[in-house]
Amino acid sequence: MRAEGGEKKQVTEYFYGYKAHMSLNTAAELITSVVVTAGNVPDGRVCARLLDKDVGQELPVRIVSGDRAYNDSHNRFLLWSRG
């Protein structure tokens, strides 16, 4: 962002609150697992916990999708290693 004089101005944004990360069964249209995090926790760090919760309930996990925040090398390796 630039101030009126043309010099650069740093803008800091804060997020207060919580986020709910969910996995669901699309055929049944039911939420199968929920992980709640602080608002400042990156979304991608929650993928493994959601998968573990579904597998722990002996739910079949065939397709995994998420928004861009879940698309990182750690999660791609996690999914590749689990088949």
C-alpha atoms as a PDB file:
ATOM      1  CA  MET A   1       0.000   0.000   0.000  1.00  0.00           C
ATOM      2  CA  ARG A   2       1.237   3.497  -0.708  1.00  0.00           C
ATOM      3  CA  ALA A   3       0.650   6.582   1.410  1.00  0.00           C
ATOM      4  CA  GLU A   4      -0.308   9.905  -0.194  1.00  0.00           C
ATOM      5  CA  GLY A   5       3.339  10.948  -0.492  1.00  0.00           C
ATOM      6  CA  GLY A   6       4.143   7.835  -2.538  1.00  0.00           C
ATOM      7  CA  GLU A   7       6.178   6.033   0.124  1.00  0.00           C
ATOM      8  CA  LYS A   8       5.365   2.407   0.858  1.00  0.00           C
ATOM      9  CA  LYS A   9       3.295   1.729   3.923  1.00  0.00           C
ATOM     10  CA  GLN A  10       3.149  -1.685   5.570  1.00  0.00           C
ATOM     11  CA  VAL A  11      -0.320  -2.923   6.454  1.00  0.00           C
ATOM     12  CA  THR A  12      -0.763  -5.632   9.068  1.00  0.00           C
ATOM     13  CA  GLU A  13      -3.980  -7.618   9.116  1.00  0.00           C
ATOM     14  CA  TYR A  14      -5.155  -9.563  12.137  1.00  0.00           C
ATOM     15  CA  PHE A  15      -7.654 -12.385  12.355  1.00  0.00           C
ATOM     16  CA  TYR A  16      -9.347 -12.987  15.668  1.00  0.00           C
ATOM     17  CA  GLY A  17     -11.447 -16.026  16.307  1.00  0.00           C
ATOM     18  CA  TYR A  18     -11.600 -19.641  15.301  1.00  0.00           C
ATOM     19  CA  LYS A  19     -11.956 -21.753  12.177  1.00  0.00           C
ATOM     20  CA  ALA A  20     -13.811 -25.029  11.799  1.00  0.00           C
ATOM     21  CA  HIS A  21     -12.259 -27.540   9.371  1.00  0.00           C
ATOM     22  CA  MET A  22     -14.583 -30.326   8.295  1.00  0.00           C
ATOM     23  CA  SER A  23     -14.591 -33.520   6.303  1.00  0.00           C
ATOM     24  CA  LEU A  24     -17.799 -34.898   4.933  1.00  0.00           C
ATOM     25  CA  ASN A  25     -19.397 -37.787   3.152  1.00  0.00           C
ATOM     26  CA  THR A  26     -20.845 -36.295  -0.010  1.00  0.00           C
ATOM     27  CA  ALA A  27     -23.110 -39.251  -0.783  1.00  0.00           C
ATOM     28  CA  ALA A  28     -24.821 -39.056   2.617  1.00  0.00           C
ATOM     29  CA  GLU A  29     -24.345 -35.272   2.897  1.00  0.00           C
ATOM     30  CA  LEU A  30     -23.085 -35.695   6.469  1.00  0.00           C
ATOM     31  CA  ILE A  31     -20.166 -34.086   8.276  1.00  0.00           C
ATOM     32  CA  THR A  32     -17.865 -36.901   9.423  1.00  0.00           C
ATOM     33  CA  SER A  33     -15.091 -35.035  11.288  1.00  0.00           C
ATOM     34  CA  VAL A  34     -14.474 -31.557  12.664  1.00  0.00           C
ATOM     35  CA  VAL A  35     -11.247 -29.911  13.835  1.00  0.00           C
ATOM     36  CA  VAL A  36     -11.429 -26.432  15.383  1.00  0.00           C
ATOM     37  CA  THR A  37      -8.313 -24.255  15.295  1.00  0.00           C
ATOM     38  CA  ALA A  38      -7.368 -20.727  16.235  1.00  0.00           C
ATOM     39  CA  GLY A  39      -7.881 -18.271  13.414  1.00  0.00           C
ATOM     40  CA  ASN A  40      -4.146 -17.843  12.831  1.00  0.00           C
ATOM     41  CA  VAL A  41      -3.418 -21.548  12.187  1.00  0.00           C
ATOM     42  CA  PRO A  42      -2.744 -22.301   8.503  1.00  0.00           C
ATOM     43  CA  ASP A  43      -5.471 -24.507   6.992  1.00  0.00           C
ATOM     44  CA  GLY A  44      -3.061 -27.004   5.450  1.00  0.00           C
ATOM     45  CA  ARG A  45      -1.807 -28.189   8.836  1.00  0.00           C
ATOM     46  CA  VAL A  46      -5.199 -29.757   9.606  1.00  0.00           C
ATOM     47  CA  CYS A  47      -5.443 -32.199   6.695  1.00  0.00           C
ATOM     48  CA  ALA A  48      -3.729 -35.120   8.439  1.00  0.00           C
ATOM     49  CA  ARG A  49      -5.873 -34.719  11.570  1.00  0.00           C
ATOM     50  CA  LEU A  50      -9.084 -34.813   9.532  1.00  0.00           C
ATOM     51  CA  LEU A  51      -7.932 -37.905   7.644  1.00  0.00           C
ATOM     52  CA  ASP A  52      -6.883 -39.642  10.865  1.00  0.00           C
ATOM     53  CA  LYS A  53     -10.277 -38.932  12.450  1.00  0.00           C
ATOM     54  CA  ASP A  54     -12.138 -40.423   9.469  1.00  0.00           C
ATOM     55  CA  VAL A  55      -9.863 -43.472   9.290  1.00  0.00           C
ATOM     56  CA  GLY A  56     -10.202 -43.907  13.069  1.00  0.00           C
ATOM     57  CA  GLN A  57     -13.970 -44.153  12.582  1.00  0.00           C
ATOM     58  CA  GLU A  58     -13.371 -46.769   9.880  1.00  0.00           C
ATOM     59  CA  LEU A  59     -14.863 -44.495   7.246  1.00  0.00           C
ATOM     60  CA  PRO A  60     -13.811 -45.051   3.632  1.00  0.00           C
ATOM     61  CA  VAL A  61     -11.682 -42.188   2.306  1.00  0.00           C
ATOM     62  CA  ARG A  62     -11.569 -42.372  -1.480  1.00  0.00           C
ATOM     63  CA  ILE A  63     -11.521 -38.749  -2.626  1.00  0.00           C
ATOM     64  CA  VAL A  64      -9.867 -35.836  -0.860  1.00  0.00           C
ATOM     65  CA  SER A  65     -10.449 -32.263  -1.953  1.00  0.00           C
ATOM     66  CA  GLY A  66      -9.878 -28.886  -0.392  1.00  0.00           C
ATOM     67  CA  ASP A  67      -9.238 -25.306  -1.273  1.00  0.00           C
ATOM     68  CA  ARG A  68      -5.838 -23.904  -2.189  1.00  0.00           C
ATOM     69  CA  ALA A  69      -4.802 -23.528   1.452  1.00  0.00           C
ATOM     70  CA  TYR A  70      -4.560 -27.338   1.733  1.00  0.00           C
ATOM     71  CA  ASN A  71      -2.440 -27.672  -1.425  1.00  0.00           C
ATOM     72  CA  ASP A  72       1.132 -27.982  -0.178  1.00  0.00           C
ATOM     73  CA  SER A  73       3.923 -30.520  -0.580  1.00  0.00           C
ATOM     74  CA  HIS A  74       3.397 -31.972   2.905  1.00  0.00           C
ATOM     75  CA  ASN A  75      -0.263 -32.791   2.225  1.00  0.00           C
ATOM     76  CA  ARG A  76       0.454 -34.111  -1.282  1.00  0.00           C
ATOM     77  CA  PHE A  77       3.100 -36.444   0.163  1.00  0.00           C
ATOM     78  CA  LEU A  78       0.722 -37.491   2.943  1.00  0.00           C
ATOM     79  CA  LEU A  79      -1.970 -38.447   0.419  1.00  0.00           C
ATOM     80  CA  TRP A  80       0.537 -40.158  -1.885  1.00  0.00           C
ATOM     81  CA  SER A  81       2.008 -42.212   0.989  1.00  0.00           C
ATOM     82  CA  ARG A  82      -1.442 -43.372   2.101  1.00  0.00           C
ATOM     83  CA  GLY A  83      -2.395 -44.430  -1.402  1.00  0.00           C
END
